[in-house]
């Protein structure tokens, strides 16, 4: 979809430079910027090792994977 934006010249110039720095077109750079505000990144859960060293997580839930939902590998006996 095409959208027309009216930006001050200095702001547009700075945006173009940022886009070039990231090897993107101005349109792609602005689309990424808008998407990052509309769809924030999913929260990153700490690893067990990180959680053990972080006292702020002591009262919170630490999501652990359920091994029953993962495919089981056959065990080979020699």
C-alpha atoms as a PDB file:
ATOM      1  CA  UNK A   1       0.000   0.000   0.000  1.00  0.00           C
ATOM      2  CA  UNK A   2       1.305   3.441  -0.815  1.00  0.00           C
ATOM      3  CA  UNK A   3       1.172   6.109   1.886  1.00  0.00           C
ATOM      4  CA  UNK A   4       2.216   9.728   1.596  1.00  0.00           C
ATOM      5  CA  UNK A   5       4.026  11.200   4.596  1.00  0.00           C
ATOM      6  CA  UNK A   6       4.904  14.841   5.080  1.00  0.00           C
ATOM      7  CA  UNK A   7       8.136  15.135   7.025  1.00  0.00           C
ATOM      8  CA  UNK A   8      10.337  18.147   7.675  1.00  0.00           C
ATOM      9  CA  UNK A   9      13.356  18.181   5.360  1.00  0.00           C
ATOM     10  CA  UNK A  10      15.902  17.693   8.139  1.00  0.00           C
ATOM     11  CA  UNK A  11      13.986  14.749   9.597  1.00  0.00           C
ATOM     12  CA  UNK A  12      13.646  13.112   6.183  1.00  0.00           C
ATOM     13  CA  UNK A  13      17.356  13.598   5.510  1.00  0.00           C
ATOM     14  CA  UNK A  14      18.285  12.000   8.857  1.00  0.00           C
ATOM     15  CA  UNK A  15      15.882   9.097   8.226  1.00  0.00           C
ATOM     16  CA  UNK A  16      17.412   8.496   4.787  1.00  0.00           C
ATOM     17  CA  UNK A  17      20.897   8.383   6.314  1.00  0.00           C
ATOM     18  CA  UNK A  18      19.756   5.880   8.946  1.00  0.00           C
ATOM     19  CA  UNK A  19      18.154   3.738   6.257  1.00  0.00           C
ATOM     20  CA  UNK A  20      21.341   3.788   4.170  1.00  0.00           C
ATOM     21  CA  UNK A  21      23.393   2.889   7.272  1.00  0.00           C
ATOM     22  CA  UNK A  22      21.229  -0.228   7.634  1.00  0.00           C
ATOM     23  CA  UNK A  23      21.386  -0.986   3.875  1.00  0.00           C
ATOM     24  CA  UNK A  24      17.639  -0.402   3.499  1.00  0.00           C
ATOM     25  CA  UNK A  25      15.424   1.816   1.447  1.00  0.00           C
ATOM     26  CA  UNK A  26      13.678   4.633   3.288  1.00  0.00           C
ATOM     27  CA  UNK A  27      10.374   2.799   2.778  1.00  0.00           C
ATOM     28  CA  UNK A  28      11.739  -0.452   4.241  1.00  0.00           C
ATOM     29  CA  UNK A  29      13.339   1.397   7.169  1.00  0.00           C
ATOM     30  CA  UNK A  30      10.094   3.207   8.031  1.00  0.00           C
ATOM     31  CA  UNK A  31       8.089  -0.030   7.628  1.00  0.00           C
ATOM     32  CA  UNK A  32      10.446  -1.770  10.093  1.00  0.00           C
ATOM     33  CA  UNK A  33      10.147   1.158  12.499  1.00  0.00           C
ATOM     34  CA  UNK A  34       6.340   1.082  12.392  1.00  0.00           C
ATOM     35  CA  UNK A  35       6.249  -2.714  12.721  1.00  0.00           C
ATOM     36  CA  UNK A  36       8.516  -2.600  15.781  1.00  0.00           C
ATOM     37  CA  UNK A  37       6.044  -0.262  17.474  1.00  0.00           C
ATOM     38  CA  UNK A  38       2.951  -2.206  16.464  1.00  0.00           C
ATOM     39  CA  UNK A  39       4.358  -5.697  17.064  1.00  0.00           C
ATOM     40  CA  UNK A  40       6.823  -5.550  19.934  1.00  0.00           C
ATOM     41  CA  UNK A  41       9.263  -8.431  20.171  1.00  0.00           C
ATOM     42  CA  UNK A  42       8.189 -11.414  22.249  1.00  0.00           C
ATOM     43  CA  UNK A  43       9.640 -11.396  25.748  1.00  0.00           C
ATOM     44  CA  UNK A  44      12.799 -13.438  26.092  1.00  0.00           C
ATOM     45  CA  UNK A  45      12.637 -15.965  28.902  1.00  0.00           C
ATOM     46  CA  UNK A  46      15.873 -16.405  30.774  1.00  0.00           C
ATOM     47  CA  UNK A  47      17.698 -19.670  30.759  1.00  0.00           C
ATOM     48  CA  UNK A  48      17.724 -21.660  33.972  1.00  0.00           C
ATOM     49  CA  UNK A  49      21.353 -20.676  34.491  1.00  0.00           C
ATOM     50  CA  UNK A  50      20.511 -16.975  34.168  1.00  0.00           C
ATOM     51  CA  UNK A  51      17.490 -17.346  36.444  1.00  0.00           C
ATOM     52  CA  UNK A  52      19.568 -19.000  39.166  1.00  0.00           C
ATOM     53  CA  UNK A  53      21.784 -15.935  39.338  1.00  0.00           C
ATOM     54  CA  UNK A  54      18.937 -13.406  39.255  1.00  0.00           C
ATOM     55  CA  UNK A  55      17.187 -12.847  42.600  1.00  0.00           C
ATOM     56  CA  UNK A  56      14.465 -10.745  40.942  1.00  0.00           C
ATOM     57  CA  UNK A  57      13.124 -13.937  39.359  1.00  0.00           C
ATOM     58  CA  UNK A  58      12.794 -15.729  42.703  1.00  0.00           C
ATOM     59  CA  UNK A  59       9.069 -14.987  42.988  1.00  0.00           C
ATOM     60  CA  UNK A  60       8.198 -15.315  39.308  1.00  0.00           C
ATOM     61  CA  UNK A  61       7.354 -18.258  37.109  1.00  0.00           C
ATOM     62  CA  UNK A  62      10.145 -19.770  35.084  1.00  0.00           C
ATOM     63  CA  UNK A  63       8.684 -21.489  32.029  1.00  0.00           C
ATOM     64  CA  UNK A  64      10.261 -24.903  31.654  1.00  0.00           C
ATOM     65  CA  UNK A  65       9.749 -27.056  28.557  1.00  0.00           C
ATOM     66  CA  UNK A  66       7.459 -30.052  28.914  1.00  0.00           C
ATOM     67  CA  UNK A  67       9.474 -33.057  27.766  1.00  0.00           C
ATOM     68  CA  UNK A  68       6.279 -35.022  27.095  1.00  0.00           C
ATOM     69  CA  UNK A  69       5.426 -32.680  24.238  1.00  0.00           C
ATOM     70  CA  UNK A  70       8.783 -33.279  22.532  1.00  0.00           C
ATOM     71  CA  UNK A  71       9.389 -36.284  20.285  1.00  0.00           C
ATOM     72  CA  UNK A  72      11.280 -39.057  22.026  1.00  0.00           C
ATOM     73  CA  UNK A  73      14.474 -40.420  20.492  1.00  0.00           C
ATOM     74  CA  UNK A  74      14.835 -44.194  20.548  1.00  0.00           C
ATOM     75  CA  UNK A  75      17.525 -45.436  22.893  1.00  0.00           C
ATOM     76  CA  UNK A  76      19.992 -47.875  21.376  1.00  0.00           C
ATOM     77  CA  UNK A  77      21.637 -50.408  23.672  1.00  0.00           C
ATOM     78  CA  UNK A  78      24.935 -51.982  22.607  1.00  0.00           C
END
